[in-house]
Amino acid sequence: MQKKKLISSVLLPIAVILPAVFPSGEVTAQQQKRLRPTSLLKAKCVKSGIGSARKQKLDVSIGKAVYNSKFYLGPGYRSAALTCKIKPDNRPQNVFQTLDLGFGMRDNNVNSPSVRVQLFLDGKPTETVTVGPTQVANVSVDVNNVSNVAIEATCSSSTQYCSRVYFYDANLQRSNPTPVDNSPVNNNPQQEQNNPQQEEILPPPPTN
C-alpha cells in the first residue's frame, strides 16, 4: 500500500507539468490562422478601362437576397477592369491556391444589358461568365504559381449603358500544409511508426 502511494505522488506533478510544456492545439491554431482567406483588395490593385472600378462596402439586393458588396466594376458603354498583383517580388513562393469570386447585378437595374465578366491569370483569359440584372455567379479559379489576376467587366451592348457588377466575395484561399518526410529511407515498418512525418509550415502571410 505504501508503494502505491509513492507512485501516485510522483505521477501527479508530471501530469500537471505536461500540459504546460506541450499545450494542446497550439500548432493547429497557428495553421488555422495562416489558412484564413485574404481579401483580394489587400493586394496591390490598379484599375483600367473607360468604366469605373471602386472599392465600396454596400448592401445590395440581387435575386431578392441581400449581399454585402466589397467593390464594383461599372463598364458603362464599354468596360472596366481591376488588376491585382497577388505574388510580391520578395516572395518567391506563392502562398495562395485559389481565388473565390461572387458577383452579380442588382435587382433595380432591370433595364441594363448583361455584362460579361472575364478573368485573366498572368494575362491569359480563363473563366468567362455573363450576368444580367437579378443574377449572381460564383467562380473559383486555381491561382497557384500565378502572379497577377485581372477581372474585366464588358458591356454586352455597344449602344446601351450597362450598370455595375457588384462583388460580394473576392477572397484568396491559402494552400493547405502538406506532410513532408525528411527521414532517411527505412525498410523497417516498426521503426517508421516511431518516426512520424514532419509538417511543412506555410510562410507567414504578407503584411499590408
C-alpha atoms as a PDB file:
ATOM      1  CA  MET A   1       0.000   0.000   0.000  1.00  0.00           C
ATOM      2  CA  GLN A   2       2.833   2.392   0.792  1.00  0.00           C
ATOM      3  CA  LYS A   3       4.472   1.672  -2.595  1.00  0.00           C
ATOM      4  CA  LYS A   4       1.261   2.564  -4.459  1.00  0.00           C
ATOM      5  CA  LYS A   5       1.006   5.901  -2.634  1.00  0.00           C
ATOM      6  CA  LEU A   6       4.600   6.731  -3.553  1.00  0.00           C
ATOM      7  CA  ILE A   7       3.970   6.089  -7.280  1.00  0.00           C
ATOM      8  CA  SER A   8       0.833   8.246  -7.235  1.00  0.00           C
ATOM      9  CA  SER A   9       2.689  11.140  -5.611  1.00  0.00           C
ATOM     10  CA  VAL A  10       5.375  11.018  -8.328  1.00  0.00           C
ATOM     11  CA  LEU A  11       2.967  10.823 -11.294  1.00  0.00           C
ATOM     12  CA  LEU A  12       0.774  13.693 -10.164  1.00  0.00           C
ATOM     13  CA  PRO A  13       3.343  16.508 -10.686  1.00  0.00           C
ATOM     14  CA  ILE A  14       4.255  15.049 -14.102  1.00  0.00           C
ATOM     15  CA  ALA A  15       0.605  15.111 -15.178  1.00  0.00           C
ATOM     16  CA  VAL A  16       0.394  18.761 -14.132  1.00  0.00           C
ATOM     17  CA  ILE A  17       3.619  19.785 -15.935  1.00  0.00           C
ATOM     18  CA  LEU A  18       2.958  18.076 -19.280  1.00  0.00           C
ATOM     19  CA  PRO A  19       0.061  20.299 -20.440  1.00  0.00           C
ATOM     20  CA  ALA A  20       2.151  23.391 -19.713  1.00  0.00           C
ATOM     21  CA  VAL A  21       5.133  22.128 -21.722  1.00  0.00           C
ATOM     22  CA  PHE A  22       3.072  20.722 -24.603  1.00  0.00           C
ATOM     23  CA  PRO A  23      -0.072  22.903 -24.927  1.00  0.00           C
ATOM     24  CA  SER A  24      -2.677  21.032 -26.925  1.00  0.00           C
ATOM     25  CA  GLY A  25      -3.852  22.546 -30.207  1.00  0.00           C
ATOM     26  CA  GLU A  26      -1.108  25.202 -30.462  1.00  0.00           C
ATOM     27  CA  VAL A  27       0.160  24.088 -33.872  1.00  0.00           C
ATOM     28  CA  THR A  28      -3.354  23.566 -35.168  1.00  0.00           C
ATOM     29  CA  ALA A  29      -4.372  27.086 -34.102  1.00  0.00           C
ATOM     30  CA  GLN A  30      -1.362  28.579 -35.895  1.00  0.00           C
ATOM     31  CA  GLN A  31      -2.173  26.663 -39.058  1.00  0.00           C
ATOM     32  CA  GLN A  32      -5.811  27.727 -38.959  1.00  0.00           C
ATOM     33  CA  LYS A  33      -4.763  31.370 -38.604  1.00  0.00           C
ATOM     34  CA  ARG A  34      -2.459  31.105 -41.607  1.00  0.00           C
ATOM     35  CA  LEU A  35      -5.146  29.381 -43.677  1.00  0.00           C
ATOM     36  CA  ARG A  36      -7.681  32.157 -43.230  1.00  0.00           C
ATOM     37  CA  PRO A  37      -8.771  33.690 -46.556  1.00  0.00           C
ATOM     38  CA  THR A  38      -7.251  37.008 -47.609  1.00  0.00           C
ATOM     39  CA  SER A  39      -9.210  39.689 -49.395  1.00  0.00           C
ATOM     40  CA  LEU A  40      -8.081  40.294 -52.967  1.00  0.00           C
ATOM     41  CA  LEU A  41      -8.259  44.018 -52.238  1.00  0.00           C
ATOM     42  CA  LYS A  42      -5.315  43.705 -49.830  1.00  0.00           C
ATOM     43  CA  ALA A  43      -3.062  43.098 -52.831  1.00  0.00           C
ATOM     44  CA  LYS A  44      -1.612  45.868 -54.968  1.00  0.00           C
ATOM     45  CA  CYS A  45      -4.510  46.633 -57.340  1.00  0.00           C
ATOM     46  CA  VAL A  46      -4.914  49.115 -60.194  1.00  0.00           C
ATOM     47  CA  LYS A  47      -7.972  49.856 -62.324  1.00  0.00           C
ATOM     48  CA  SER A  48      -8.165  50.201 -66.081  1.00  0.00           C
ATOM     49  CA  GLY A  49     -10.745  50.699 -68.807  1.00  0.00           C
ATOM     50  CA  ILE A  50     -13.069  53.584 -69.560  1.00  0.00           C
ATOM     51  CA  GLY A  51     -15.590  52.447 -66.963  1.00  0.00           C
ATOM     52  CA  SER A  52     -15.289  52.723 -63.192  1.00  0.00           C
ATOM     53  CA  ALA A  53     -13.795  50.387 -60.589  1.00  0.00           C
ATOM     54  CA  ARG A  54     -14.137  51.319 -56.953  1.00  0.00           C
ATOM     55  CA  LYS A  55     -13.820  49.774 -53.523  1.00  0.00           C
ATOM     56  CA  GLN A  56     -17.090  50.332 -51.685  1.00  0.00           C
ATOM     57  CA  LYS A  57     -18.861  48.405 -48.944  1.00  0.00           C
ATOM     58  CA  LEU A  58     -22.548  48.377 -49.757  1.00  0.00           C
ATOM     59  CA  ASP A  59     -25.538  46.145 -49.107  1.00  0.00           C
ATOM     60  CA  VAL A  60     -27.204  45.296 -52.412  1.00  0.00           C
ATOM     61  CA  SER A  61     -30.259  43.260 -53.417  1.00  0.00           C
ATOM     62  CA  ILE A  62     -29.577  40.606 -56.053  1.00  0.00           C
ATOM     63  CA  GLY A  63     -32.182  37.971 -56.842  1.00  0.00           C
ATOM     64  CA  LYS A  64     -34.282  39.116 -53.863  1.00  0.00           C
ATOM     65  CA  ALA A  65     -31.406  38.436 -51.462  1.00  0.00           C
ATOM     66  CA  VAL A  66     -29.090  40.840 -49.635  1.00  0.00           C
ATOM     67  CA  TYR A  67     -25.345  40.710 -50.323  1.00  0.00           C
ATOM     68  CA  ASN A  68     -22.564  42.800 -48.818  1.00  0.00           C
ATOM     69  CA  SER A  69     -20.557  44.094 -51.786  1.00  0.00           C
ATOM     70  CA  LYS A  70     -16.835  44.817 -51.339  1.00  0.00           C
ATOM     71  CA  PHE A  71     -16.257  46.590 -54.653  1.00  0.00           C
ATOM     72  CA  TYR A  72     -17.883  47.085 -58.032  1.00  0.00           C
ATOM     73  CA  LEU A  73     -16.975  47.308 -61.716  1.00  0.00           C
ATOM     74  CA  GLY A  74     -19.042  49.721 -63.794  1.00  0.00           C
ATOM     75  CA  PRO A  75     -18.432  49.049 -67.502  1.00  0.00           C
ATOM     76  CA  GLY A  76     -20.760  51.807 -68.701  1.00  0.00           C
ATOM     77  CA  TYR A  77     -20.806  51.704 -72.506  1.00  0.00           C
ATOM     78  CA  ARG A  78     -17.550  49.735 -72.750  1.00  0.00           C
ATOM     79  CA  SER A  79     -15.537  48.016 -69.998  1.00  0.00           C
ATOM     80  CA  ALA A  80     -13.882  48.317 -66.602  1.00  0.00           C
ATOM     81  CA  ALA A  81     -11.128  46.168 -65.123  1.00  0.00           C
ATOM     82  CA  LEU A  82      -9.242  45.595 -61.901  1.00  0.00           C
ATOM     83  CA  THR A  83      -5.753  44.054 -61.946  1.00  0.00           C
ATOM     84  CA  CYS A  84      -4.125  42.823 -58.731  1.00  0.00           C
ATOM     85  CA  LYS A  85      -0.625  41.561 -58.033  1.00  0.00           C
ATOM     86  CA  ILE A  86      -1.036  38.635 -55.628  1.00  0.00           C
ATOM     87  CA  LYS A  87       2.608  37.497 -55.602  1.00  0.00           C
ATOM     88  CA  PRO A  88       5.050  40.085 -54.202  1.00  0.00           C
ATOM     89  CA  ASP A  89       8.531  40.337 -55.707  1.00  0.00           C
ATOM     90  CA  ASN A  90      10.210  39.474 -52.406  1.00  0.00           C
ATOM     91  CA  ARG A  91       8.251  36.224 -52.006  1.00  0.00           C
ATOM     92  CA  PRO A  92       9.403  33.538 -54.467  1.00  0.00           C
ATOM     93  CA  GLN A  93       6.739  31.069 -53.381  1.00  0.00           C
ATOM     94  CA  ASN A  94       3.085  31.868 -53.900  1.00  0.00           C
ATOM     95  CA  VAL A  95       1.104  31.051 -50.760  1.00  0.00           C
ATOM     96  CA  PHE A  96      -2.306  31.247 -52.442  1.00  0.00           C
ATOM     97  CA  GLN A  97      -4.065  28.288 -54.023  1.00  0.00           C
ATOM     98  CA  THR A  98      -7.454  29.544 -55.237  1.00  0.00           C
ATOM     99  CA  LEU A  99      -9.371  32.758 -55.837  1.00  0.00           C
ATOM    100  CA  ASP A 100     -13.073  32.715 -54.961  1.00  0.00           C
ATOM    101  CA  LEU A 101     -15.334  35.312 -56.564  1.00  0.00           C
ATOM    102  CA  GLY A 102     -19.022  36.004 -56.051  1.00  0.00           C
ATOM    103  CA  PHE A 103     -20.749  38.777 -58.019  1.00  0.00           C
ATOM    104  CA  GLY A 104     -23.990  39.906 -59.612  1.00  0.00           C
ATOM    105  CA  MET A 105     -26.157  42.789 -60.805  1.00  0.00           C
ATOM    106  CA  ARG A 106     -28.751  44.496 -58.657  1.00  0.00           C
ATOM    107  CA  ASP A 107     -32.482  43.889 -58.873  1.00  0.00           C
ATOM    108  CA  ASN A 108     -33.268  47.550 -59.590  1.00  0.00           C
ATOM    109  CA  ASN A 109     -31.123  47.600 -62.766  1.00  0.00           C
ATOM    110  CA  VAL A 110     -33.704  45.656 -64.778  1.00  0.00           C
ATOM    111  CA  ASN A 111     -33.236  47.776 -67.917  1.00  0.00           C
ATOM    112  CA  SER A 112     -29.497  47.216 -68.104  1.00  0.00           C
ATOM    113  CA  PRO A 113     -27.951  44.925 -70.727  1.00  0.00           C
ATOM    114  CA  SER A 114     -25.996  41.953 -69.422  1.00  0.00           C
ATOM    115  CA  VAL A 115     -22.296  42.198 -68.573  1.00  0.00           C
ATOM    116  CA  ARG A 116     -19.551  39.728 -69.470  1.00  0.00           C
ATOM    117  CA  VAL A 117     -17.096  39.152 -66.592  1.00  0.00           C
ATOM    118  CA  GLN A 118     -13.792  37.609 -67.650  1.00  0.00           C
ATOM    119  CA  LEU A 119     -10.797  36.543 -65.542  1.00  0.00           C
ATOM    120  CA  PHE A 120      -7.186  36.770 -66.637  1.00  0.00           C
ATOM    121  CA  LEU A 121      -4.327  34.916 -64.927  1.00  0.00           C
ATOM    122  CA  ASP A 122      -0.960  36.451 -65.815  1.00  0.00           C
ATOM    123  CA  GLY A 123      -2.585  37.979 -68.881  1.00  0.00           C
ATOM    124  CA  LYS A 124      -4.192  34.775 -70.128  1.00  0.00           C
ATOM    125  CA  PRO A 125      -8.024  34.618 -70.300  1.00  0.00           C
ATOM    126  CA  THR A 126      -9.589  31.844 -68.235  1.00  0.00           C
ATOM    127  CA  GLU A 127     -13.150  31.926 -66.889  1.00  0.00           C
ATOM    128  CA  THR A 128     -15.894  33.967 -68.582  1.00  0.00           C
ATOM    129  CA  VAL A 129     -19.340  34.431 -67.009  1.00  0.00           C
ATOM    130  CA  THR A 130     -22.201  36.622 -68.228  1.00  0.00           C
ATOM    131  CA  VAL A 131     -24.601  38.062 -65.670  1.00  0.00           C
ATOM    132  CA  GLY A 132     -27.700  40.182 -66.041  1.00  0.00           C
ATOM    133  CA  PRO A 133     -29.894  42.072 -63.589  1.00  0.00           C
ATOM    134  CA  THR A 134     -31.049  39.916 -60.621  1.00  0.00           C
ATOM    135  CA  GLN A 135     -28.417  37.251 -61.460  1.00  0.00           C
ATOM    136  CA  VAL A 136     -25.473  36.084 -59.327  1.00  0.00           C
ATOM    137  CA  ALA A 137     -22.459  33.947 -60.168  1.00  0.00           C
ATOM    138  CA  ASN A 138     -19.768  32.198 -58.145  1.00  0.00           C
ATOM    139  CA  VAL A 139     -16.380  31.308 -59.604  1.00  0.00           C
ATOM    140  CA  SER A 140     -13.318  29.586 -58.128  1.00  0.00           C
ATOM    141  CA  VAL A 141     -10.024  29.519 -60.062  1.00  0.00           C
ATOM    142  CA  ASP A 142      -6.639  27.999 -59.327  1.00  0.00           C
ATOM    143  CA  VAL A 143      -4.042  30.751 -58.803  1.00  0.00           C
ATOM    144  CA  ASN A 144      -1.126  28.566 -57.774  1.00  0.00           C
ATOM    145  CA  ASN A 145       2.053  29.936 -59.440  1.00  0.00           C
ATOM    146  CA  VAL A 146       0.091  32.991 -60.624  1.00  0.00           C
ATOM    147  CA  SER A 147       1.495  36.482 -60.059  1.00  0.00           C
ATOM    148  CA  ASN A 148      -1.254  38.750 -61.402  1.00  0.00           C
ATOM    149  CA  VAL A 149      -5.040  38.433 -61.542  1.00  0.00           C
ATOM    150  CA  ALA A 150      -7.295  40.664 -63.636  1.00  0.00           C
ATOM    151  CA  ILE A 151     -11.099  40.938 -63.583  1.00  0.00           C
ATOM    152  CA  GLU A 152     -12.692  42.650 -66.568  1.00  0.00           C
ATOM    153  CA  ALA A 153     -16.367  43.580 -66.956  1.00  0.00           C
ATOM    154  CA  THR A 154     -17.501  44.329 -70.530  1.00  0.00           C
ATOM    155  CA  CYS A 155     -20.906  45.630 -71.571  1.00  0.00           C
ATOM    156  CA  SER A 156     -22.735  43.321 -73.965  1.00  0.00           C
ATOM    157  CA  SER A 157     -24.188  46.279 -75.875  1.00  0.00           C
ATOM    158  CA  SER A 158     -22.332  48.964 -77.816  1.00  0.00           C
ATOM    159  CA  THR A 159     -25.253  51.393 -77.711  1.00  0.00           C
ATOM    160  CA  GLN A 160     -26.844  50.887 -74.281  1.00  0.00           C
ATOM    161  CA  TYR A 161     -25.404  51.724 -70.886  1.00  0.00           C
ATOM    162  CA  CYS A 162     -24.523  48.754 -68.659  1.00  0.00           C
ATOM    163  CA  SER A 163     -24.964  49.001 -64.903  1.00  0.00           C
ATOM    164  CA  ARG A 164     -22.444  47.971 -62.291  1.00  0.00           C
ATOM    165  CA  VAL A 165     -21.400  44.465 -61.315  1.00  0.00           C
ATOM    166  CA  TYR A 166     -21.104  44.133 -57.532  1.00  0.00           C
ATOM    167  CA  PHE A 167     -18.596  41.723 -55.971  1.00  0.00           C
ATOM    168  CA  TYR A 168     -19.643  40.354 -52.600  1.00  0.00           C
ATOM    169  CA  ASP A 169     -16.881  37.726 -52.483  1.00  0.00           C
ATOM    170  CA  ALA A 170     -13.257  38.174 -53.568  1.00  0.00           C
ATOM    171  CA  ASN A 171     -11.051  36.019 -51.345  1.00  0.00           C
ATOM    172  CA  LEU A 172      -7.711  34.320 -51.849  1.00  0.00           C
ATOM    173  CA  GLN A 173      -7.506  30.904 -50.215  1.00  0.00           C
ATOM    174  CA  ARG A 174      -4.136  29.712 -48.929  1.00  0.00           C
ATOM    175  CA  SER A 175      -2.518  26.391 -49.703  1.00  0.00           C
ATOM    176  CA  ASN A 176      -3.037  23.548 -47.243  1.00  0.00           C
ATOM    177  CA  PRO A 177       0.101  22.359 -45.425  1.00  0.00           C
ATOM    178  CA  THR A 178       1.353  19.023 -46.733  1.00  0.00           C
ATOM    179  CA  PRO A 179       3.294  16.493 -44.676  1.00  0.00           C
ATOM    180  CA  VAL A 180       6.924  16.143 -45.682  1.00  0.00           C
ATOM    181  CA  ASP A 181       9.012  13.132 -44.674  1.00  0.00           C
ATOM    182  CA  ASN A 182      12.621  14.172 -44.097  1.00  0.00           C
ATOM    183  CA  SER A 183      13.693  10.895 -42.539  1.00  0.00           C
ATOM    184  CA  PRO A 184      16.026   8.501 -44.431  1.00  0.00           C
ATOM    185  CA  VAL A 185      14.581   5.502 -46.238  1.00  0.00           C
ATOM    186  CA  ASN A 186      13.906   2.687 -43.843  1.00  0.00           C
ATOM    187  CA  ASN A 187      12.523  -0.731 -44.713  1.00  0.00           C
ATOM    188  CA  ASN A 188      11.593  -1.478 -41.128  1.00  0.00           C
ATOM    189  CA  PRO A 189       7.840  -0.733 -40.693  1.00  0.00           C
ATOM    190  CA  GLN A 190       8.116  -0.764 -36.918  1.00  0.00           C
ATOM    191  CA  GLN A 191      10.801   1.932 -36.980  1.00  0.00           C
ATOM    192  CA  GLU A 192       8.764   4.078 -39.416  1.00  0.00           C
ATOM    193  CA  GLN A 193       5.945   4.176 -36.894  1.00  0.00           C
ATOM    194  CA  ASN A 194       8.313   5.740 -34.398  1.00  0.00           C
ATOM    195  CA  ASN A 195       9.341   8.485 -36.869  1.00  0.00           C
ATOM    196  CA  PRO A 196       6.196  10.455 -37.808  1.00  0.00           C
ATOM    197  CA  GLN A 197       6.301  12.788 -40.790  1.00  0.00           C
ATOM    198  CA  GLN A 198       7.173  16.412 -40.181  1.00  0.00           C
ATOM    199  CA  GLU A 199       4.698  19.024 -41.314  1.00  0.00           C
ATOM    200  CA  GLU A 200       5.749  21.807 -43.659  1.00  0.00           C
ATOM    201  CA  ILE A 201       4.704  25.156 -42.235  1.00  0.00           C
ATOM    202  CA  LEU A 202       3.493  27.808 -44.674  1.00  0.00           C
ATOM    203  CA  PRO A 203       5.392  31.094 -44.936  1.00  0.00           C
ATOM    204  CA  PRO A 204       3.798  33.936 -42.970  1.00  0.00           C
ATOM    205  CA  PRO A 205       1.074  35.929 -44.754  1.00  0.00           C
ATOM    206  CA  PRO A 206       2.145  39.171 -46.485  1.00  0.00           C
ATOM    207  CA  THR A 207       1.814  42.337 -44.421  1.00  0.00           C
ATOM    208  CA  ASN A 208      -0.072  45.260 -45.855  1.00  0.00           C
END
